[in-house]
Amino acid sequence: MYKTEITLKYFMYDNELKSIYENLESYKNVEEDLDLSEEKYRIEMLELFGVKDICDNKINEIINDIYEKMKIDENMIEILQKMANIFCSEDAELGLVVGFSYNYLYLLHPCVCDLLKDGKISEENFTTLKNALDKNIK
């Protein structure tokens, strides 16, 4: 008789969340609106990962799971390495963490949603992310 052990991992990332601190540019006009945008970002980060505390280890586990799915796409690895370059690194995993930061989440989130829903990132969302990075990161 064989003993089989099966481990199921619950992958919680809310790929239905649409707002991702909408109208980001309009928030940058007034300092009070920027504070509101930052607060909305914090709330939506918790919602995305289904946690109540930003220090919850589930966030790291989910980001690691997303990276495992994303790392097979060479174009995305280049993008993630470019994001990591902000910290003088080429570590794609670090780049993914940067992608979840305030400045890039609204660009990364549609790519993650594509990946989770369709198994690949749409050309439109990839191009939007790439163009924004090319503009902001040299």
N, C-alpha and C. Protein backbone atom coordinates (compact mmCIF):
# COMPACT_ATOMS: atom_id res chain seq x y z
N MET A 1 0.84 -1.17 0.00
CA MET A 1 0.00 0.00 0.00
C MET A 1 0.89 1.24 0.00
N TYR A 2 0.53 2.22 -0.83
CA TYR A 2 1.27 3.47 -0.95
C TYR A 2 0.57 4.57 -0.18
N LYS A 3 1.38 5.40 0.43
CA LYS A 3 0.83 6.57 1.12
C LYS A 3 1.09 7.77 0.22
N THR A 4 0.03 8.48 -0.12
CA THR A 4 0.13 9.65 -0.98
C THR A 4 -0.26 10.89 -0.18
N GLU A 5 0.57 11.90 -0.30
CA GLU A 5 0.28 13.15 0.39
C GLU A 5 0.05 14.22 -0.67
N ILE A 6 -1.08 14.88 -0.58
CA ILE A 6 -1.42 15.93 -1.53
C ILE A 6 -1.50 17.24 -0.77
N THR A 7 -0.82 18.24 -1.29
CA THR A 7 -0.87 19.56 -0.70
C THR A 7 -1.60 20.49 -1.66
N LEU A 8 -2.65 21.11 -1.18
CA LEU A 8 -3.39 22.08 -1.98
C LEU A 8 -3.09 23.46 -1.42
N LYS A 9 -2.78 24.38 -2.30
CA LYS A 9 -2.47 25.72 -1.88
C LYS A 9 -3.59 26.64 -2.35
N TYR A 10 -4.14 27.42 -1.47
CA TYR A 10 -5.18 28.36 -1.84
C TYR A 10 -4.52 29.64 -2.32
N PHE A 11 -4.77 29.98 -3.56
CA PHE A 11 -4.16 31.14 -4.18
C PHE A 11 -5.14 32.29 -4.11
N MET A 12 -4.94 33.22 -3.19
CA MET A 12 -5.87 34.33 -3.00
C MET A 12 -5.27 35.61 -3.55
N TYR A 13 -5.74 36.00 -4.69
CA TYR A 13 -5.40 37.30 -5.26
C TYR A 13 -6.66 37.75 -5.96
N ASP A 14 -7.18 38.89 -5.59
CA ASP A 14 -8.47 39.34 -6.12
C ASP A 14 -8.28 39.94 -7.51
N ASN A 15 -8.38 39.10 -8.52
CA ASN A 15 -8.21 39.60 -9.88
C ASN A 15 -9.49 40.22 -10.43
N GLU A 16 -10.50 40.37 -9.59
CA GLU A 16 -11.73 41.05 -9.99
C GLU A 16 -11.74 42.51 -9.52
N LEU A 17 -10.80 42.88 -8.65
CA LEU A 17 -10.73 44.26 -8.16
C LEU A 17 -10.38 45.18 -9.31
N LYS A 18 -11.25 46.12 -9.59
CA LYS A 18 -11.09 46.96 -10.78
C LYS A 18 -10.50 48.34 -10.50
N SER A 19 -10.77 48.93 -9.36
CA SER A 19 -10.46 50.35 -9.22
C SER A 19 -8.97 50.65 -9.15
N ILE A 20 -8.22 49.92 -8.36
CA ILE A 20 -6.77 50.17 -8.16
C ILE A 20 -6.50 51.69 -8.16
N TYR A 21 -6.95 52.29 -7.08
CA TYR A 21 -6.85 53.74 -6.85
C TYR A 21 -6.98 54.52 -8.16
N GLU A 22 -8.18 54.42 -8.74
CA GLU A 22 -8.52 55.02 -10.03
C GLU A 22 -8.11 56.48 -10.11
N ASN A 23 -7.93 56.92 -11.33
CA ASN A 23 -7.62 58.31 -11.64
C ASN A 23 -6.40 58.81 -10.86
N LEU A 24 -5.37 58.03 -10.88
CA LEU A 24 -4.16 58.33 -10.13
C LEU A 24 -3.64 59.74 -10.44
N GLU A 25 -3.63 60.12 -11.70
CA GLU A 25 -3.09 61.43 -12.06
C GLU A 25 -3.88 62.57 -11.44
N SER A 26 -5.20 62.42 -11.33
CA SER A 26 -5.99 63.50 -10.75
C SER A 26 -5.69 63.68 -9.27
N TYR A 27 -5.23 62.61 -8.61
CA TYR A 27 -4.91 62.73 -7.19
C TYR A 27 -3.67 63.59 -6.97
N LYS A 28 -2.82 63.68 -7.94
CA LYS A 28 -1.54 64.35 -7.75
C LYS A 28 -1.65 65.87 -7.81
N ASN A 29 -2.84 66.39 -8.07
CA ASN A 29 -3.02 67.84 -8.18
C ASN A 29 -3.10 68.51 -6.82
N VAL A 30 -3.63 67.84 -5.84
CA VAL A 30 -3.85 68.43 -4.52
C VAL A 30 -3.29 67.48 -3.47
N GLU A 31 -2.55 68.02 -2.53
CA GLU A 31 -1.90 67.20 -1.51
C GLU A 31 -2.92 66.35 -0.75
N GLU A 32 -4.08 66.91 -0.44
CA GLU A 32 -5.10 66.16 0.28
C GLU A 32 -5.55 64.95 -0.54
N ASP A 33 -5.71 65.15 -1.85
CA ASP A 33 -6.11 64.04 -2.71
C ASP A 33 -5.03 62.97 -2.78
N LEU A 34 -3.76 63.38 -2.73
CA LEU A 34 -2.67 62.41 -2.72
C LEU A 34 -2.75 61.54 -1.47
N ASP A 35 -3.06 62.17 -0.33
CA ASP A 35 -3.23 61.40 0.90
C ASP A 35 -4.37 60.40 0.76
N LEU A 36 -5.46 60.82 0.13
CA LEU A 36 -6.59 59.92 -0.10
C LEU A 36 -6.19 58.77 -1.01
N SER A 37 -5.40 59.07 -2.03
CA SER A 37 -4.96 58.05 -2.97
C SER A 37 -4.06 57.03 -2.27
N GLU A 38 -3.17 57.50 -1.43
CA GLU A 38 -2.29 56.60 -0.69
C GLU A 38 -3.09 55.71 0.26
N GLU A 39 -4.10 56.28 0.89
CA GLU A 39 -4.96 55.48 1.79
C GLU A 39 -5.74 54.45 0.98
N LYS A 40 -6.24 54.85 -0.17
CA LYS A 40 -6.96 53.92 -1.04
C LYS A 40 -6.03 52.79 -1.49
N TYR A 41 -4.78 53.12 -1.80
CA TYR A 41 -3.80 52.10 -2.17
C TYR A 41 -3.63 51.08 -1.04
N ARG A 42 -3.47 51.56 0.19
CA ARG A 42 -3.28 50.65 1.33
C ARG A 42 -4.50 49.73 1.50
N ILE A 43 -5.69 50.29 1.39
CA ILE A 43 -6.91 49.49 1.53
C ILE A 43 -6.98 48.45 0.41
N GLU A 44 -6.70 48.87 -0.81
CA GLU A 44 -6.80 47.94 -1.94
C GLU A 44 -5.72 46.87 -1.91
N MET A 45 -4.55 47.17 -1.38
CA MET A 45 -3.52 46.14 -1.23
C MET A 45 -4.02 45.03 -0.32
N LEU A 46 -4.66 45.40 0.78
CA LEU A 46 -5.21 44.40 1.70
C LEU A 46 -6.30 43.59 1.00
N GLU A 47 -7.16 44.27 0.25
CA GLU A 47 -8.23 43.58 -0.47
C GLU A 47 -7.67 42.62 -1.52
N LEU A 48 -6.64 43.06 -2.25
CA LEU A 48 -6.05 42.22 -3.30
C LEU A 48 -5.59 40.88 -2.76
N PHE A 49 -4.98 40.91 -1.60
CA PHE A 49 -4.39 39.70 -1.03
C PHE A 49 -5.29 39.03 0.01
N GLY A 50 -6.46 39.61 0.27
CA GLY A 50 -7.40 39.01 1.20
C GLY A 50 -6.87 38.94 2.62
N VAL A 51 -6.18 39.98 3.05
CA VAL A 51 -5.62 40.02 4.40
C VAL A 51 -6.09 41.28 5.12
N LYS A 52 -5.88 41.30 6.42
CA LYS A 52 -6.27 42.47 7.22
C LYS A 52 -5.07 43.29 7.67
N ASP A 53 -3.87 42.71 7.51
CA ASP A 53 -2.65 43.36 7.96
C ASP A 53 -1.60 43.26 6.85
N ILE A 54 -0.98 44.37 6.53
CA ILE A 54 0.01 44.41 5.44
C ILE A 54 1.23 43.54 5.77
N CYS A 55 1.42 43.20 7.03
CA CYS A 55 2.55 42.36 7.43
C CYS A 55 2.22 40.87 7.38
N ASP A 56 1.04 40.53 6.92
CA ASP A 56 0.62 39.12 6.86
C ASP A 56 1.52 38.35 5.90
N ASN A 57 2.03 37.20 6.33
CA ASN A 57 2.92 36.38 5.51
C ASN A 57 2.25 35.84 4.25
N LYS A 58 0.92 35.83 4.24
CA LYS A 58 0.20 35.36 3.04
C LYS A 58 0.58 36.20 1.82
N ILE A 59 0.85 37.47 2.03
CA ILE A 59 1.21 38.36 0.91
C ILE A 59 2.47 37.83 0.23
N ASN A 60 3.49 37.49 1.01
CA ASN A 60 4.74 36.96 0.43
C ASN A 60 4.49 35.65 -0.30
N GLU A 61 3.67 34.79 0.29
CA GLU A 61 3.37 33.51 -0.35
C GLU A 61 2.67 33.72 -1.69
N ILE A 62 1.73 34.63 -1.72
CA ILE A 62 0.99 34.89 -2.97
C ILE A 62 1.90 35.51 -4.01
N ILE A 63 2.74 36.47 -3.60
CA ILE A 63 3.68 37.08 -4.54
C ILE A 63 4.63 36.01 -5.08
N ASN A 64 5.07 35.10 -4.23
CA ASN A 64 5.94 34.00 -4.70
C ASN A 64 5.21 33.13 -5.71
N ASP A 65 3.94 32.84 -5.46
CA ASP A 65 3.15 32.04 -6.41
C ASP A 65 2.99 32.77 -7.74
N ILE A 66 2.74 34.07 -7.67
CA ILE A 66 2.61 34.86 -8.90
C ILE A 66 3.93 34.85 -9.66
N TYR A 67 5.03 35.00 -8.94
CA TYR A 67 6.34 34.97 -9.60
C TYR A 67 6.57 33.64 -10.31
N GLU A 68 6.21 32.54 -9.67
CA GLU A 68 6.38 31.22 -10.29
C GLU A 68 5.63 31.13 -11.62
N LYS A 69 4.47 31.75 -11.69
CA LYS A 69 3.69 31.75 -12.93
C LYS A 69 4.28 32.72 -13.95
N MET A 70 4.83 33.83 -13.46
CA MET A 70 5.31 34.89 -14.33
C MET A 70 6.69 34.61 -14.90
N LYS A 71 7.49 33.83 -14.19
CA LYS A 71 8.90 33.68 -14.58
C LYS A 71 9.09 32.92 -15.90
N ILE A 72 8.07 32.27 -16.40
CA ILE A 72 8.22 31.57 -17.67
C ILE A 72 8.10 32.52 -18.87
N ASP A 73 7.69 33.75 -18.61
CA ASP A 73 7.56 34.75 -19.67
C ASP A 73 8.83 35.62 -19.68
N GLU A 74 9.69 35.40 -20.66
CA GLU A 74 10.98 36.11 -20.72
C GLU A 74 10.80 37.63 -20.80
N ASN A 75 9.77 38.08 -21.50
CA ASN A 75 9.52 39.53 -21.59
C ASN A 75 9.17 40.11 -20.23
N MET A 76 8.37 39.37 -19.45
CA MET A 76 8.03 39.86 -18.11
C MET A 76 9.24 39.84 -17.20
N ILE A 77 10.11 38.86 -17.35
CA ILE A 77 11.32 38.82 -16.53
C ILE A 77 12.16 40.08 -16.80
N GLU A 78 12.27 40.47 -18.06
CA GLU A 78 13.00 41.70 -18.38
C GLU A 78 12.36 42.92 -17.71
N ILE A 79 11.03 42.98 -17.72
CA ILE A 79 10.32 44.09 -17.08
C ILE A 79 10.58 44.07 -15.57
N LEU A 80 10.50 42.91 -14.97
CA LEU A 80 10.71 42.79 -13.53
C LEU A 80 12.15 43.16 -13.16
N GLN A 81 13.10 42.78 -13.99
CA GLN A 81 14.50 43.16 -13.75
C GLN A 81 14.67 44.67 -13.84
N LYS A 82 13.94 45.28 -14.76
CA LYS A 82 14.01 46.74 -14.89
C LYS A 82 13.45 47.41 -13.64
N MET A 83 12.35 46.85 -13.10
CA MET A 83 11.80 47.39 -11.86
C MET A 83 12.79 47.22 -10.71
N ALA A 84 13.46 46.09 -10.66
CA ALA A 84 14.44 45.84 -9.60
C ALA A 84 15.62 46.80 -9.69
N ASN A 85 15.87 47.30 -10.89
CA ASN A 85 16.98 48.22 -11.11
C ASN A 85 16.83 49.49 -10.27
N ILE A 86 15.63 49.79 -9.84
CA ILE A 86 15.41 50.94 -8.95
C ILE A 86 16.28 50.78 -7.70
N PHE A 87 16.51 49.52 -7.29
CA PHE A 87 17.34 49.23 -6.12
C PHE A 87 18.69 48.66 -6.52
N CYS A 88 19.16 49.01 -7.72
CA CYS A 88 20.45 48.58 -8.22
C CYS A 88 20.58 47.05 -8.23
N SER A 89 19.53 46.39 -8.64
CA SER A 89 19.49 44.94 -8.67
C SER A 89 18.90 44.49 -10.00
N GLU A 90 19.14 43.24 -10.34
CA GLU A 90 18.49 42.64 -11.51
C GLU A 90 17.64 41.44 -11.10
N ASP A 91 17.37 41.34 -9.81
CA ASP A 91 16.59 40.23 -9.26
C ASP A 91 15.12 40.41 -9.63
N ALA A 92 14.62 39.56 -10.50
CA ALA A 92 13.25 39.67 -10.99
C ALA A 92 12.22 39.53 -9.86
N GLU A 93 12.53 38.71 -8.85
CA GLU A 93 11.60 38.57 -7.72
C GLU A 93 11.48 39.89 -6.96
N LEU A 94 12.59 40.58 -6.77
CA LEU A 94 12.56 41.90 -6.15
C LEU A 94 11.75 42.85 -7.03
N GLY A 95 11.94 42.74 -8.34
CA GLY A 95 11.19 43.59 -9.27
C GLY A 95 9.69 43.40 -9.14
N LEU A 96 9.26 42.17 -8.90
CA LEU A 96 7.83 41.92 -8.72
C LEU A 96 7.33 42.62 -7.46
N VAL A 97 8.11 42.58 -6.40
CA VAL A 97 7.73 43.29 -5.18
C VAL A 97 7.62 44.79 -5.45
N VAL A 98 8.56 45.33 -6.21
CA VAL A 98 8.50 46.74 -6.59
C VAL A 98 7.22 47.00 -7.38
N GLY A 99 6.83 46.05 -8.20
CA GLY A 99 5.62 46.20 -9.00
C GLY A 99 4.36 46.33 -8.17
N PHE A 100 4.40 45.84 -6.95
CA PHE A 100 3.24 45.98 -6.06
C PHE A 100 3.30 47.27 -5.24
N SER A 101 4.28 48.11 -5.50
CA SER A 101 4.38 49.38 -4.78
C SER A 101 3.36 50.38 -5.32
N TYR A 102 3.17 51.45 -4.59
CA TYR A 102 2.19 52.48 -4.94
C TYR A 102 2.35 52.97 -6.38
N ASN A 103 3.58 53.20 -6.80
CA ASN A 103 3.82 53.80 -8.11
C ASN A 103 3.54 52.87 -9.29
N TYR A 104 3.52 51.56 -9.06
CA TYR A 104 3.42 50.62 -10.18
C TYR A 104 2.26 49.64 -10.11
N LEU A 105 1.59 49.54 -8.97
CA LEU A 105 0.53 48.54 -8.84
C LEU A 105 -0.56 48.70 -9.90
N TYR A 106 -0.97 49.92 -10.17
CA TYR A 106 -2.04 50.13 -11.14
C TYR A 106 -1.63 49.67 -12.54
N LEU A 107 -0.34 49.56 -12.80
CA LEU A 107 0.16 49.06 -14.09
C LEU A 107 0.35 47.54 -14.06
N LEU A 108 0.83 47.02 -12.93
CA LEU A 108 1.10 45.59 -12.80
C LEU A 108 -0.18 44.77 -12.64
N HIS A 109 -1.13 45.30 -11.89
CA HIS A 109 -2.35 44.55 -11.57
C HIS A 109 -3.06 43.97 -12.81
N PRO A 110 -3.26 44.74 -13.88
CA PRO A 110 -3.92 44.14 -15.06
C PRO A 110 -3.11 42.98 -15.65
N CYS A 111 -1.78 43.06 -15.57
CA CYS A 111 -0.94 41.97 -16.07
C CYS A 111 -1.11 40.71 -15.22
N VAL A 112 -1.15 40.89 -13.91
CA VAL A 112 -1.34 39.75 -13.00
C VAL A 112 -2.73 39.13 -13.25
N CYS A 113 -3.73 39.98 -13.43
CA CYS A 113 -5.09 39.48 -13.70
C CYS A 113 -5.11 38.65 -14.98
N ASP A 114 -4.47 39.16 -16.02
CA ASP A 114 -4.39 38.40 -17.28
C ASP A 114 -3.75 37.04 -17.04
N LEU A 115 -2.65 37.05 -16.34
CA LEU A 115 -1.90 35.82 -16.09
C LEU A 115 -2.74 34.79 -15.33
N LEU A 116 -3.47 35.26 -14.33
CA LEU A 116 -4.27 34.34 -13.52
C LEU A 116 -5.52 33.86 -14.27
N LYS A 117 -6.09 34.71 -15.09
CA LYS A 117 -7.31 34.34 -15.82
C LYS A 117 -7.00 33.52 -17.07
N ASP A 118 -6.00 33.98 -17.84
CA ASP A 118 -5.75 33.41 -19.17
C ASP A 118 -4.46 32.63 -19.30
N GLY A 119 -3.62 32.68 -18.27
CA GLY A 119 -2.35 31.99 -18.33
C GLY A 119 -1.27 32.74 -19.09
N LYS A 120 -1.62 33.93 -19.57
CA LYS A 120 -0.64 34.78 -20.27
C LYS A 120 -1.07 36.23 -20.13
N ILE A 121 -0.13 37.13 -20.36
CA ILE A 121 -0.38 38.56 -20.23
C ILE A 121 -0.73 39.13 -21.60
N SER A 122 -1.80 39.90 -21.65
CA SER A 122 -2.22 40.47 -22.93
C SER A 122 -1.19 41.46 -23.45
N GLU A 123 -1.11 41.56 -24.74
CA GLU A 123 -0.16 42.49 -25.38
C GLU A 123 -0.45 43.92 -24.93
N GLU A 124 -1.73 44.27 -24.84
CA GLU A 124 -2.11 45.63 -24.46
C GLU A 124 -1.61 45.98 -23.05
N ASN A 125 -1.86 45.11 -22.09
CA ASN A 125 -1.44 45.39 -20.71
C ASN A 125 0.08 45.34 -20.57
N PHE A 126 0.72 44.42 -21.27
CA PHE A 126 2.19 44.35 -21.24
C PHE A 126 2.78 45.64 -21.80
N THR A 127 2.27 46.09 -22.93
CA THR A 127 2.78 47.31 -23.58
C THR A 127 2.57 48.53 -22.70
N THR A 128 1.41 48.63 -22.06
CA THR A 128 1.15 49.76 -21.15
C THR A 128 2.17 49.79 -20.02
N LEU A 129 2.42 48.63 -19.42
CA LEU A 129 3.41 48.54 -18.35
C LEU A 129 4.81 48.87 -18.86
N LYS A 130 5.19 48.28 -19.97
CA LYS A 130 6.52 48.50 -20.54
C LYS A 130 6.75 49.98 -20.88
N ASN A 131 5.77 50.60 -21.53
CA ASN A 131 5.91 52.00 -21.92
C ASN A 131 6.04 52.92 -20.71
N ALA A 132 5.27 52.64 -19.67
CA ALA A 132 5.36 53.45 -18.45
C ALA A 132 6.73 53.30 -17.80
N LEU A 133 7.24 52.08 -17.78
CA LEU A 133 8.57 51.86 -17.20
C LEU A 133 9.66 52.52 -18.03
N ASP A 134 9.55 52.40 -19.36
CA ASP A 134 10.54 53.02 -20.24
C ASP A 134 10.57 54.54 -20.03
N LYS A 135 9.42 55.09 -19.74
CA LYS A 135 9.31 56.54 -19.53
C LYS A 135 9.88 56.95 -18.17
N ASN A 136 9.69 56.10 -17.15
CA ASN A 136 10.05 56.48 -15.78
C ASN A 136 11.36 55.91 -15.27
N ILE A 137 11.80 54.81 -15.84
CA ILE A 137 13.03 54.17 -15.36
C ILE A 137 14.02 54.09 -16.51
N LYS A 138 15.14 54.70 -16.35
CA LYS A 138 16.16 54.71 -17.40
C LYS A 138 17.18 53.64 -17.16
